[in-house]
mmCIF file of all heavy atoms, coordinates in Angstrom:
data_MODEL
# 
_entry.id   MODEL 
# 
loop_
_atom_site.group_PDB 
_atom_site.id 
_atom_site.type_symbol 
_atom_site.label_atom_id 
_atom_site.label_alt_id 
_atom_site.label_comp_id 
_atom_site.label_asym_id 
_atom_site.label_entity_id 
_atom_site.label_seq_id 
_atom_site.pdbx_PDB_ins_code 
_atom_site.Cartn_x 
_atom_site.Cartn_y 
_atom_site.Cartn_z 
_atom_site.occupancy 
_atom_site.B_iso_or_equiv 
_atom_site.pdbx_formal_charge 
_atom_site.auth_seq_id 
_atom_site.auth_comp_id 
_atom_site.auth_asym_id 
_atom_site.auth_atom_id 
_atom_site.pdbx_PDB_model_num 
ATOM 1   N N   . TYR A 1 1  ? 3.160   -3.816  -17.290 1.00 0.00 ? 1  TYR A N   1 
ATOM 2   C CA  . TYR A 1 1  ? 1.851   -4.467  -17.356 1.00 0.00 ? 1  TYR A CA  1 
ATOM 3   C C   . TYR A 1 1  ? 1.851   -5.557  -18.427 1.00 0.00 ? 1  TYR A C   1 
ATOM 4   O O   . TYR A 1 1  ? 1.362   -6.674  -18.200 1.00 0.00 ? 1  TYR A O   1 
ATOM 5   C CB  . TYR A 1 1  ? 0.783   -3.419  -17.651 1.00 0.00 ? 1  TYR A CB  1 
ATOM 6   C CG  . TYR A 1 1  ? -0.596  -3.997  -17.865 1.00 0.00 ? 1  TYR A CG  1 
ATOM 7   C CD1 . TYR A 1 1  ? -1.437  -4.274  -16.793 1.00 0.00 ? 1  TYR A CD1 1 
ATOM 8   C CD2 . TYR A 1 1  ? -1.070  -4.277  -19.148 1.00 0.00 ? 1  TYR A CD2 1 
ATOM 9   C CE1 . TYR A 1 1  ? -2.702  -4.807  -16.981 1.00 0.00 ? 1  TYR A CE1 1 
ATOM 10  C CE2 . TYR A 1 1  ? -2.329  -4.814  -19.351 1.00 0.00 ? 1  TYR A CE2 1 
ATOM 11  C CZ  . TYR A 1 1  ? -3.147  -5.074  -18.266 1.00 0.00 ? 1  TYR A CZ  1 
ATOM 12  O OH  . TYR A 1 1  ? -4.383  -5.604  -18.461 1.00 0.00 ? 1  TYR A OH  1 
ATOM 13  N N   . LYS A 1 2  ? 2.406   -5.259  -19.576 1.00 0.00 ? 2  LYS A N   1 
ATOM 14  C CA  . LYS A 1 2  ? 2.439   -6.248  -20.655 1.00 0.00 ? 2  LYS A CA  1 
ATOM 15  C C   . LYS A 1 2  ? 3.326   -7.434  -20.284 1.00 0.00 ? 2  LYS A C   1 
ATOM 16  O O   . LYS A 1 2  ? 2.984   -8.586  -20.557 1.00 0.00 ? 2  LYS A O   1 
ATOM 17  C CB  . LYS A 1 2  ? 2.944   -5.603  -21.940 1.00 0.00 ? 2  LYS A CB  1 
ATOM 18  C CG  . LYS A 1 2  ? 1.981   -4.625  -22.586 1.00 0.00 ? 2  LYS A CG  1 
ATOM 19  C CD  . LYS A 1 2  ? 2.374   -4.318  -24.021 1.00 0.00 ? 2  LYS A CD  1 
ATOM 20  C CE  . LYS A 1 2  ? 3.760   -3.719  -24.112 1.00 0.00 ? 2  LYS A CE  1 
ATOM 21  N NZ  . LYS A 1 2  ? 4.151   -3.416  -25.510 1.00 0.00 ? 2  LYS A NZ  1 
ATOM 22  N N   . LYS A 1 3  ? 4.465   -7.141  -19.641 1.00 0.00 ? 3  LYS A N   1 
ATOM 23  C CA  . LYS A 1 3  ? 5.397   -8.206  -19.288 1.00 0.00 ? 3  LYS A CA  1 
ATOM 24  C C   . LYS A 1 3  ? 4.833   -9.091  -18.193 1.00 0.00 ? 3  LYS A C   1 
ATOM 25  O O   . LYS A 1 3  ? 5.000   -10.325 -18.207 1.00 0.00 ? 3  LYS A O   1 
ATOM 26  C CB  . LYS A 1 3  ? 6.728   -7.586  -18.846 1.00 0.00 ? 3  LYS A CB  1 
ATOM 27  C CG  . LYS A 1 3  ? 7.819   -8.598  -18.575 1.00 0.00 ? 3  LYS A CG  1 
ATOM 28  C CD  . LYS A 1 3  ? 9.123   -7.889  -18.203 1.00 0.00 ? 3  LYS A CD  1 
ATOM 29  C CE  . LYS A 1 3  ? 10.234  -8.886  -17.927 1.00 0.00 ? 3  LYS A CE  1 
ATOM 30  N NZ  . LYS A 1 3  ? 11.495  -8.196  -17.526 1.00 0.00 ? 3  LYS A NZ  1 
ATOM 31  N N   . ASP A 1 4  ? 4.194   -8.472  -17.192 1.00 0.00 ? 4  ASP A N   1 
ATOM 32  C CA  . ASP A 1 4  ? 3.523   -9.192  -16.097 1.00 0.00 ? 4  ASP A CA  1 
ATOM 33  C C   . ASP A 1 4  ? 4.433   -10.219 -15.431 1.00 0.00 ? 4  ASP A C   1 
ATOM 34  O O   . ASP A 1 4  ? 4.099   -11.394 -15.288 1.00 0.00 ? 4  ASP A O   1 
ATOM 35  C CB  . ASP A 1 4  ? 2.250   -9.871  -16.618 1.00 0.00 ? 4  ASP A CB  1 
ATOM 36  C CG  . ASP A 1 4  ? 1.341   -10.334 -15.484 1.00 0.00 ? 4  ASP A CG  1 
ATOM 37  O OD1 . ASP A 1 4  ? 1.411   -9.738  -14.393 1.00 0.00 ? 4  ASP A OD1 1 
ATOM 38  O OD2 . ASP A 1 4  ? 0.553   -11.281 -15.695 1.00 0.00 ? 4  ASP A OD2 1 
ATOM 39  N N   . SER A 1 5  ? 5.610   -9.765  -15.032 1.00 0.00 ? 5  SER A N   1 
ATOM 40  C CA  . SER A 1 5  ? 6.565   -10.635 -14.348 1.00 0.00 ? 5  SER A CA  1 
ATOM 41  C C   . SER A 1 5  ? 7.121   -9.892  -13.139 1.00 0.00 ? 5  SER A C   1 
ATOM 42  O O   . SER A 1 5  ? 7.762   -8.850  -13.291 1.00 0.00 ? 5  SER A O   1 
ATOM 43  C CB  . SER A 1 5  ? 7.696   -11.032 -15.295 1.00 0.00 ? 5  SER A CB  1 
ATOM 44  O OG  . SER A 1 5  ? 8.670   -11.798 -14.627 1.00 0.00 ? 5  SER A OG  1 
ATOM 45  N N   . HIS A 1 6  ? 6.858   -10.434 -11.934 1.00 0.00 ? 6  HIS A N   1 
ATOM 46  C CA  . HIS A 1 6  ? 7.240   -9.720  -10.716 1.00 0.00 ? 6  HIS A CA  1 
ATOM 47  C C   . HIS A 1 6  ? 7.812   -10.694 -9.692  1.00 0.00 ? 6  HIS A C   1 
ATOM 48  O O   . HIS A 1 6  ? 7.492   -11.885 -9.694  1.00 0.00 ? 6  HIS A O   1 
ATOM 49  C CB  . HIS A 1 6  ? 6.028   -9.010  -10.112 1.00 0.00 ? 6  HIS A CB  1 
ATOM 50  C CG  . HIS A 1 6  ? 5.314   -8.128  -11.082 1.00 0.00 ? 6  HIS A CG  1 
ATOM 51  N ND1 . HIS A 1 6  ? 5.756   -6.880  -11.423 1.00 0.00 ? 6  HIS A ND1 1 
ATOM 52  C CD2 . HIS A 1 6  ? 4.173   -8.348  -11.816 1.00 0.00 ? 6  HIS A CD2 1 
ATOM 53  C CE1 . HIS A 1 6  ? 4.931   -6.339  -12.303 1.00 0.00 ? 6  HIS A CE1 1 
ATOM 54  N NE2 . HIS A 1 6  ? 3.972   -7.210  -12.575 1.00 0.00 ? 6  HIS A NE2 1 
ATOM 55  N N   . GLU A 1 7  ? 8.641   -10.191 -8.805  1.00 0.00 ? 7  GLU A N   1 
ATOM 56  C CA  . GLU A 1 7  ? 9.214   -10.991 -7.724  1.00 0.00 ? 7  GLU A CA  1 
ATOM 57  C C   . GLU A 1 7  ? 8.400   -10.750 -6.452  1.00 0.00 ? 7  GLU A C   1 
ATOM 58  O O   . GLU A 1 7  ? 8.510   -9.700  -5.823  1.00 0.00 ? 7  GLU A O   1 
ATOM 59  C CB  . GLU A 1 7  ? 10.683  -10.619 -7.509  1.00 0.00 ? 7  GLU A CB  1 
ATOM 60  C CG  . GLU A 1 7  ? 11.574  -10.972 -8.682  1.00 0.00 ? 7  GLU A CG  1 
ATOM 61  C CD  . GLU A 1 7  ? 13.038  -10.688 -8.388  1.00 0.00 ? 7  GLU A CD  1 
ATOM 62  O OE1 . GLU A 1 7  ? 13.348  -10.375 -7.217  1.00 0.00 ? 7  GLU A OE1 1 
ATOM 63  O OE2 . GLU A 1 7  ? 13.849  -10.779 -9.314  1.00 0.00 ? 7  GLU A OE2 1 
ATOM 64  N N   . PHE A 1 8  ? 7.581   -11.714 -6.113  1.00 0.00 ? 8  PHE A N   1 
ATOM 65  C CA  . PHE A 1 8  ? 6.729   -11.569 -4.942  1.00 0.00 ? 8  PHE A CA  1 
ATOM 66  C C   . PHE A 1 8  ? 7.494   -11.956 -3.679  1.00 0.00 ? 8  PHE A C   1 
ATOM 67  O O   . PHE A 1 8  ? 8.358   -12.830 -3.698  1.00 0.00 ? 8  PHE A O   1 
ATOM 68  C CB  . PHE A 1 8  ? 5.485   -12.456 -5.080  1.00 0.00 ? 8  PHE A CB  1 
ATOM 69  C CG  . PHE A 1 8  ? 4.620   -12.104 -6.247  1.00 0.00 ? 8  PHE A CG  1 
ATOM 70  C CD1 . PHE A 1 8  ? 4.675   -12.836 -7.424  1.00 0.00 ? 8  PHE A CD1 1 
ATOM 71  C CD2 . PHE A 1 8  ? 3.755   -11.019 -6.185  1.00 0.00 ? 8  PHE A CD2 1 
ATOM 72  C CE1 . PHE A 1 8  ? 3.882   -12.518 -8.511  1.00 0.00 ? 8  PHE A CE1 1 
ATOM 73  C CE2 . PHE A 1 8  ? 2.963   -10.684 -7.271  1.00 0.00 ? 8  PHE A CE2 1 
ATOM 74  C CZ  . PHE A 1 8  ? 3.020   -11.432 -8.430  1.00 0.00 ? 8  PHE A CZ  1 
ATOM 75  N N   . VAL A 1 9  ? 7.144   -11.302 -2.573  1.00 0.00 ? 9  VAL A N   1 
ATOM 76  C CA  . VAL A 1 9  ? 7.790   -11.620 -1.301  1.00 0.00 ? 9  VAL A CA  1 
ATOM 77  C C   . VAL A 1 9  ? 7.082   -12.800 -0.651  1.00 0.00 ? 9  VAL A C   1 
ATOM 78  O O   . VAL A 1 9  ? 5.940   -13.129 -0.993  1.00 0.00 ? 9  VAL A O   1 
ATOM 79  C CB  . VAL A 1 9  ? 7.755   -10.407 -0.349  1.00 0.00 ? 9  VAL A CB  1 
ATOM 80  C CG1 . VAL A 1 9  ? 8.532   -9.243  -0.947  1.00 0.00 ? 9  VAL A CG1 1 
ATOM 81  C CG2 . VAL A 1 9  ? 6.321   -9.993  -0.037  1.00 0.00 ? 9  VAL A CG2 1 
ATOM 82  N N   . GLY A 1 10 ? 7.751   -13.443 0.304   1.00 0.00 ? 10 GLY A N   1 
ATOM 83  C CA  . GLY A 1 10 ? 7.155   -14.549 1.036   1.00 0.00 ? 10 GLY A CA  1 
ATOM 84  C C   . GLY A 1 10 ? 6.155   -14.056 2.070   1.00 0.00 ? 10 GLY A C   1 
ATOM 85  O O   . GLY A 1 10 ? 6.030   -12.859 2.327   1.00 0.00 ? 10 GLY A O   1 
ATOM 86  N N   . ALA A 1 11 ? 5.489   -15.011 2.689   1.00 0.00 ? 11 ALA A N   1 
ATOM 87  C CA  . ALA A 1 11 ? 4.433   -14.676 3.648   1.00 0.00 ? 11 ALA A CA  1 
ATOM 88  C C   . ALA A 1 11 ? 4.949   -13.828 4.800   1.00 0.00 ? 11 ALA A C   1 
ATOM 89  O O   . ALA A 1 11 ? 4.263   -12.917 5.280   1.00 0.00 ? 11 ALA A O   1 
ATOM 90  C CB  . ALA A 1 11 ? 3.806   -15.958 4.186   1.00 0.00 ? 11 ALA A CB  1 
ATOM 91  N N   . LEU A 1 12 ? 6.176   -14.093 5.271   1.00 0.00 ? 12 LEU A N   1 
ATOM 92  C CA  . LEU A 1 12 ? 6.707   -13.364 6.423   1.00 0.00 ? 12 LEU A CA  1 
ATOM 93  C C   . LEU A 1 12 ? 7.189   -11.966 6.052   1.00 0.00 ? 12 LEU A C   1 
ATOM 94  O O   . LEU A 1 12 ? 7.432   -11.133 6.927   1.00 0.00 ? 12 LEU A O   1 
ATOM 95  C CB  . LEU A 1 12 ? 7.842   -14.167 7.071   1.00 0.00 ? 12 LEU A CB  1 
ATOM 96  C CG  . LEU A 1 12 ? 7.443   -15.536 7.621   1.00 0.00 ? 12 LEU A CG  1 
ATOM 97  C CD1 . LEU A 1 12 ? 8.659   -16.223 8.254   1.00 0.00 ? 12 LEU A CD1 1 
ATOM 98  C CD2 . LEU A 1 12 ? 6.319   -15.398 8.652   1.00 0.00 ? 12 LEU A CD2 1 
ATOM 99  N N   . ALA A 1 13 ? 7.313   -11.698 4.756   1.00 0.00 ? 13 ALA A N   1 
ATOM 100 C CA  . ALA A 1 13 ? 7.806   -10.391 4.323   1.00 0.00 ? 13 ALA A CA  1 
ATOM 101 C C   . ALA A 1 13 ? 6.723   -9.541  3.659   1.00 0.00 ? 13 ALA A C   1 
ATOM 102 O O   . ALA A 1 13 ? 7.004   -8.459  3.161   1.00 0.00 ? 13 ALA A O   1 
ATOM 103 C CB  . ALA A 1 13 ? 8.971   -10.570 3.346   1.00 0.00 ? 13 ALA A CB  1 
ATOM 104 N N   . ALA A 1 14 ? 5.481   -10.053 3.649   1.00 0.00 ? 14 ALA A N   1 
ATOM 105 C CA  . ALA A 1 14 ? 4.397   -9.331  2.981   1.00 0.00 ? 14 ALA A CA  1 
ATOM 106 C C   . ALA A 1 14 ? 4.175   -7.976  3.634   1.00 0.00 ? 14 ALA A C   1 
ATOM 107 O O   . ALA A 1 14 ? 4.374   -7.794  4.843   1.00 0.00 ? 14 ALA A O   1 
ATOM 108 C CB  . ALA A 1 14 ? 3.115   -10.148 3.038   1.00 0.00 ? 14 ALA A CB  1 
ATOM 109 N N   . GLY A 1 15 ? 3.779   -7.035  2.827   1.00 0.00 ? 15 GLY A N   1 
ATOM 110 C CA  . GLY A 1 15 ? 3.529   -5.690  3.334   1.00 0.00 ? 15 GLY A CA  1 
ATOM 111 C C   . GLY A 1 15 ? 2.273   -5.619  4.186   1.00 0.00 ? 15 GLY A C   1 
ATOM 112 O O   . GLY A 1 15 ? 1.462   -6.548  4.214   1.00 0.00 ? 15 GLY A O   1 
ATOM 113 N N   . THR A 1 16 ? 2.103   -4.525  4.865   1.00 0.00 ? 16 THR A N   1 
ATOM 114 C CA  . THR A 1 16 ? 0.962   -4.341  5.751   1.00 0.00 ? 16 THR A CA  1 
ATOM 115 C C   . THR A 1 16 ? -0.003  -3.301  5.184   1.00 0.00 ? 16 THR A C   1 
ATOM 116 O O   . THR A 1 16 ? 0.358   -2.481  4.338   1.00 0.00 ? 16 THR A O   1 
ATOM 117 C CB  . THR A 1 16 ? 1.419   -3.875  7.146   1.00 0.00 ? 16 THR A CB  1 
ATOM 118 O OG1 . THR A 1 16 ? 2.142   -2.638  7.012   1.00 0.00 ? 16 THR A OG1 1 
ATOM 119 C CG2 . THR A 1 16 ? 2.314   -4.918  7.787   1.00 0.00 ? 16 THR A CG2 1 
ATOM 120 N N   . ILE A 1 17 ? -1.236  -3.345  5.652   1.00 0.00 ? 17 ILE A N   1 
ATOM 121 C CA  . ILE A 1 17 ? -2.242  -2.352  5.288   1.00 0.00 ? 17 ILE A CA  1 
ATOM 122 C C   . ILE A 1 17 ? -2.597  -1.548  6.528   1.00 0.00 ? 17 ILE A C   1 
ATOM 123 O O   . ILE A 1 17 ? -2.982  -2.108  7.560   1.00 0.00 ? 17 ILE A O   1 
ATOM 124 C CB  . ILE A 1 17 ? -3.501  -3.021  4.715   1.00 0.00 ? 17 ILE A CB  1 
ATOM 125 C CG1 . ILE A 1 17 ? -3.161  -3.780  3.422   1.00 0.00 ? 17 ILE A CG1 1 
ATOM 126 C CG2 . ILE A 1 17 ? -4.580  -1.983  4.441   1.00 0.00 ? 17 ILE A CG2 1 
ATOM 127 C CD1 . ILE A 1 17 ? -4.355  -4.515  2.823   1.00 0.00 ? 17 ILE A CD1 1 
ATOM 128 N N   . THR A 1 18 ? -2.432  -0.251  6.434   1.00 0.00 ? 18 THR A N   1 
ATOM 129 C CA  . THR A 1 18 ? -2.792  0.635   7.542   1.00 0.00 ? 18 THR A CA  1 
ATOM 130 C C   . THR A 1 18 ? -3.782  1.675   7.030   1.00 0.00 ? 18 THR A C   1 
ATOM 131 O O   . THR A 1 18 ? -3.901  1.914   5.830   1.00 0.00 ? 18 THR A O   1 
ATOM 132 C CB  . THR A 1 18 ? -1.555  1.347   8.121   1.00 0.00 ? 18 THR A CB  1 
ATOM 133 O OG1 . THR A 1 18 ? -0.936  2.130   7.086   1.00 0.00 ? 18 THR A OG1 1 
ATOM 134 C CG2 . THR A 1 18 ? -0.548  0.348   8.653   1.00 0.00 ? 18 THR A CG2 1 
ATOM 135 N N   . GLN A 1 19 ? -4.499  2.300   7.946   1.00 0.00 ? 19 GLN A N   1 
ATOM 136 C CA  . GLN A 1 19 ? -5.455  3.333   7.595   1.00 0.00 ? 19 GLN A CA  1 
ATOM 137 C C   . GLN A 1 19 ? -4.959  4.686   8.092   1.00 0.00 ? 19 GLN A C   1 
ATOM 138 O O   . GLN A 1 19 ? -4.396  4.787   9.188   1.00 0.00 ? 19 GLN A O   1 
ATOM 139 C CB  . GLN A 1 19 ? -6.828  3.045   8.188   1.00 0.00 ? 19 GLN A CB  1 
ATOM 140 C CG  . GLN A 1 19 ? -7.536  1.857   7.566   1.00 0.00 ? 19 GLN A CG  1 
ATOM 141 C CD  . GLN A 1 19 ? -8.949  1.699   8.098   1.00 0.00 ? 19 GLN A CD  1 
ATOM 142 O OE1 . GLN A 1 19 ? -9.216  1.952   9.268   1.00 0.00 ? 19 GLN A OE1 1 
ATOM 143 N NE2 . GLN A 1 19 ? -9.860  1.268   7.240   1.00 0.00 ? 19 GLN A NE2 1 
ATOM 144 N N   . TYR A 1 20 ? -5.168  5.714   7.251   1.00 0.00 ? 20 TYR A N   1 
ATOM 145 C CA  . TYR A 1 20 ? -4.877  7.081   7.678   1.00 0.00 ? 20 TYR A CA  1 
ATOM 146 C C   . TYR A 1 20 ? -6.197  7.830   7.652   1.00 0.00 ? 20 TYR A C   1 
ATOM 147 O O   . TYR A 1 20 ? -6.805  7.996   6.589   1.00 0.00 ? 20 TYR A O   1 
ATOM 148 C CB  . TYR A 1 20 ? -3.850  7.748   6.762   1.00 0.00 ? 20 TYR A CB  1 
ATOM 149 C CG  . TYR A 1 20 ? -3.469  9.138   7.223   1.00 0.00 ? 20 TYR A CG  1 
ATOM 150 C CD1 . TYR A 1 20 ? -2.773  9.322   8.416   1.00 0.00 ? 20 TYR A CD1 1 
ATOM 151 C CD2 . TYR A 1 20 ? -3.821  10.259  6.471   1.00 0.00 ? 20 TYR A CD2 1 
ATOM 152 C CE1 . TYR A 1 20 ? -2.428  10.595  8.855   1.00 0.00 ? 20 TYR A CE1 1 
ATOM 153 C CE2 . TYR A 1 20 ? -3.472  11.531  6.906   1.00 0.00 ? 20 TYR A CE2 1 
ATOM 154 C CZ  . TYR A 1 20 ? -2.785  11.698  8.096   1.00 0.00 ? 20 TYR A CZ  1 
ATOM 155 O OH  . TYR A 1 20 ? -2.451  12.955  8.540   1.00 0.00 ? 20 TYR A OH  1 
ATOM 156 N N   . GLU A 1 21 ? -6.661  8.275   8.802   1.00 0.00 ? 21 GLU A N   1 
ATOM 157 C CA  . GLU A 1 21 ? -8.007  8.808   8.933   1.00 0.00 ? 21 GLU A CA  1 
ATOM 158 C C   . GLU A 1 21 ? -8.078  10.329  8.930   1.00 0.00 ? 21 GLU A C   1 
ATOM 159 O O   . GLU A 1 21 ? -9.178  10.893  9.009   1.00 0.00 ? 21 GLU A O   1 
ATOM 160 C CB  . GLU A 1 21 ? -8.658  8.260   10.209  1.00 0.00 ? 21 GLU A CB  1 
ATOM 161 C CG  . GLU A 1 21 ? -8.790  6.729   10.187  1.00 0.00 ? 21 GLU A CG  1 
ATOM 162 C CD  . GLU A 1 21 ? -9.399  6.174   11.455  1.00 0.00 ? 21 GLU A CD  1 
ATOM 163 O OE1 . GLU A 1 21 ? -9.548  6.961   12.426  1.00 0.00 ? 21 GLU A OE1 1 
ATOM 164 O OE2 . GLU A 1 21 ? -9.751  4.983   11.480  1.00 0.00 ? 21 GLU A OE2 1 
ATOM 165 N N   . ARG A 1 22 ? -6.934  11.004  8.838   1.00 0.00 ? 22 ARG A N   1 
ATOM 166 C CA  . ARG A 1 22 ? -6.950  12.460  8.911   1.00 0.00 ? 22 ARG A CA  1 
ATOM 167 C C   . ARG A 1 22 ? -6.806  13.133  7.533   1.00 0.00 ? 22 ARG A C   1 
ATOM 168 O O   . ARG A 1 22 ? -6.709  14.358  7.451   1.00 0.00 ? 22 ARG A O   1 
ATOM 169 C CB  . ARG A 1 22 ? -5.828  12.961  9.821   1.00 0.00 ? 22 ARG A CB  1 
ATOM 170 C CG  . ARG A 1 22 ? -6.105  12.790  11.305  1.00 0.00 ? 22 ARG A CG  1 
ATOM 171 C CD  . ARG A 1 22 ? -5.126  13.632  12.127  1.00 0.00 ? 22 ARG A CD  1 
ATOM 172 N NE  . ARG A 1 22 ? -5.021  15.010  11.649  1.00 0.00 ? 22 ARG A NE  1 
ATOM 173 C CZ  . ARG A 1 22 ? -5.882  15.982  11.960  1.00 0.00 ? 22 ARG A CZ  1 
ATOM 174 N NH1 . ARG A 1 22 ? -6.934  15.709  12.722  1.00 0.00 ? 22 ARG A NH1 1 
ATOM 175 N NH2 . ARG A 1 22 ? -5.694  17.202  11.497  1.00 0.00 ? 22 ARG A NH2 1 
ATOM 176 N N   . ALA A 1 23 ? -6.799  12.340  6.489   1.00 0.00 ? 23 ALA A N   1 
ATOM 177 C CA  . ALA A 1 23 ? -6.523  12.919  5.175   1.00 0.00 ? 23 ALA A CA  1 
ATOM 178 C C   . ALA A 1 23 ? -7.533  14.002  4.796   1.00 0.00 ? 23 ALA A C   1 
ATOM 179 O O   . ALA A 1 23 ? -7.154  15.066  4.281   1.00 0.00 ? 23 ALA A O   1 
ATOM 180 C CB  . ALA A 1 23 ? -6.506  11.821  4.111   1.00 0.00 ? 23 ALA A CB  1 
ATOM 181 N N   . THR A 1 24 ? -8.818  13.756  5.041   1.00 0.00 ? 24 THR A N   1 
ATOM 182 C CA  . THR A 1 24 ? -9.829  14.749  4.674   1.00 0.00 ? 24 THR A CA  1 
ATOM 183 C C   . THR A 1 24 ? -9.707  16.009  5.516   1.00 0.00 ? 24 THR A C   1 
ATOM 184 O O   . THR A 1 24 ? -9.771  17.131  4.988   1.00 0.00 ? 24 THR A O   1 
ATOM 185 C CB  . THR A 1 24 ? -11.238 14.142  4.820   1.00 0.00 ? 24 THR A CB  1 
ATOM 186 O OG1 . THR A 1 24 ? -11.407 13.103  3.846   1.00 0.00 ? 24 THR A OG1 1 
ATOM 187 C CG2 . THR A 1 24 ? -12.313 15.194  4.615   1.00 0.00 ? 24 THR A CG2 1 
ATOM 188 N N   . SER A 1 25 ? -9.510  15.868  6.820   1.00 0.00 ? 25 SER A N   1 
ATOM 189 C CA  . SER A 1 25 ? -9.357  17.059  7.667   1.00 0.00 ? 25 SER A CA  1 
ATOM 190 C C   . SER A 1 25 ? -8.061  17.791  7.349   1.00 0.00 ? 25 SER A C   1 
ATOM 191 O O   . SER A 1 25 ? -8.012  19.032  7.404   1.00 0.00 ? 25 SER A O   1 
ATOM 192 C CB  . SER A 1 25 ? -9.421  16.674  9.152   1.00 0.00 ? 25 SER A CB  1 
ATOM 193 O OG  . SER A 1 25 ? -8.426  15.735  9.487   1.00 0.00 ? 25 SER A OG  1 
ATOM 194 N N   . ASP A 1 26 ? -7.009  17.064  6.986   1.00 0.00 ? 26 ASP A N   1 
ATOM 195 C CA  . ASP A 1 26 ? -5.765  17.712  6.549   1.00 0.00 ? 26 ASP A CA  1 
ATOM 196 C C   . ASP A 1 26 ? -6.022  18.585  5.324   1.00 0.00 ? 26 ASP A C   1 
ATOM 197 O O   . ASP A 1 26 ? -5.513  19.705  5.221   1.00 0.00 ? 26 ASP A O   1 
ATOM 198 C CB  . ASP A 1 26 ? -4.711  16.654  6.178   1.00 0.00 ? 26 ASP A CB  1 
ATOM 199 C CG  . ASP A 1 26 ? -4.132  15.935  7.384   1.00 0.00 ? 26 ASP A CG  1 
ATOM 200 O OD1 . ASP A 1 26 ? -4.293  16.422  8.516   1.00 0.00 ? 26 ASP A OD1 1 
ATOM 201 O OD2 . ASP A 1 26 ? -3.507  14.884  7.159   1.00 0.00 ? 26 ASP A OD2 1 
ATOM 202 N N   . HIS A 1 27 ? -6.803  18.057  4.421   1.00 0.00 ? 27 HIS A N   1 
ATOM 203 C CA  . HIS A 1 27 ? -7.121  18.771  3.173   1.00 0.00 ? 27 HIS A CA  1 
ATOM 204 C C   . HIS A 1 27 ? -7.901  20.062  3.478   1.00 0.00 ? 27 HIS A C   1 
ATOM 205 O O   . HIS A 1 27 ? -7.571  21.146  2.963   1.00 0.00 ? 27 HIS A O   1 
ATOM 206 C CB  . HIS A 1 27 ? -7.942  17.838  2.282   1.00 0.00 ? 27 HIS A CB  1 
ATOM 207 C CG  . HIS A 1 27 ? -8.151  18.316  0.887   1.00 0.00 ? 27 HIS A CG  1 
ATOM 208 N ND1 . HIS A 1 27 ? -8.742  17.535  -0.080  1.00 0.00 ? 27 HIS A ND1 1 
ATOM 209 C CD2 . HIS A 1 27 ? -7.883  19.496  0.274   1.00 0.00 ? 27 HIS A CD2 1 
ATOM 210 C CE1 . HIS A 1 27 ? -8.811  18.202  -1.213  1.00 0.00 ? 27 HIS A CE1 1 
ATOM 211 N NE2 . HIS A 1 27 ? -8.303  19.401  -1.021  1.00 0.00 ? 27 HIS A NE2 1 
ATOM 212 N N   . ILE A 1 28 ? -8.906  19.954  4.321   1.00 0.00 ? 28 ILE A N   1 
ATOM 213 C CA  . ILE A 1 28 ? -9.692  21.138  4.698   1.00 0.00 ? 28 ILE A CA  1 
ATOM 214 C C   . ILE A 1 28 ? -8.811  22.184  5.373   1.00 0.00 ? 28 ILE A C   1 
ATOM 215 O O   . ILE A 1 28 ? -8.856  23.374  5.043   1.00 0.00 ? 28 ILE A O   1 
ATOM 216 C CB  . ILE A 1 28 ? -10.853 20.736  5.623   1.00 0.00 ? 28 ILE A CB  1 
ATOM 217 C CG1 . ILE A 1 28 ? -11.878 19.908  4.846   1.00 0.00 ? 28 ILE A CG1 1 
ATOM 218 C CG2 . ILE A 1 28 ? -11.512 21.971  6.234   1.00 0.00 ? 28 ILE A CG2 1 
ATOM 219 C CD1 . ILE A 1 28 ? -12.995 19.341  5.703   1.00 0.00 ? 28 ILE A CD1 1 
ATOM 220 N N   . ASP A 1 29 ? -7.999  21.740  6.323   1.00 0.00 ? 29 ASP A N   1 
ATOM 221 C CA  . ASP A 1 29 ? -7.127  22.676  7.048   1.00 0.00 ? 29 ASP A CA  1 
ATOM 222 C C   . ASP A 1 29 ? -6.174  23.393  6.103   1.00 0.00 ? 29 ASP A C   1 
ATOM 223 O O   . ASP A 1 29 ? -5.903  24.589  6.258   1.00 0.00 ? 29 ASP A O   1 
ATOM 224 C CB  . ASP A 1 29 ? -6.330  21.932  8.117   1.00 0.00 ? 29 ASP A CB  1 
ATOM 225 C CG  . ASP A 1 29 ? -7.207  21.434  9.270   1.00 0.00 ? 29 ASP A CG  1 
ATOM 226 O OD1 . ASP A 1 29 ? -8.353  21.901  9.378   1.00 0.00 ? 29 ASP A OD1 1 
ATOM 227 O OD2 . ASP A 1 29 ? -6.733  20.576  10.032  1.00 0.00 ? 29 ASP A OD2 1 
# 
């Protein structure tokens, strides 16, 4: 955090965002 130096990926290599909707029901089960 203090150094704040990172190697960012290009636009074609950017990560994706997905949703997981069963986490709460998994917890209950």
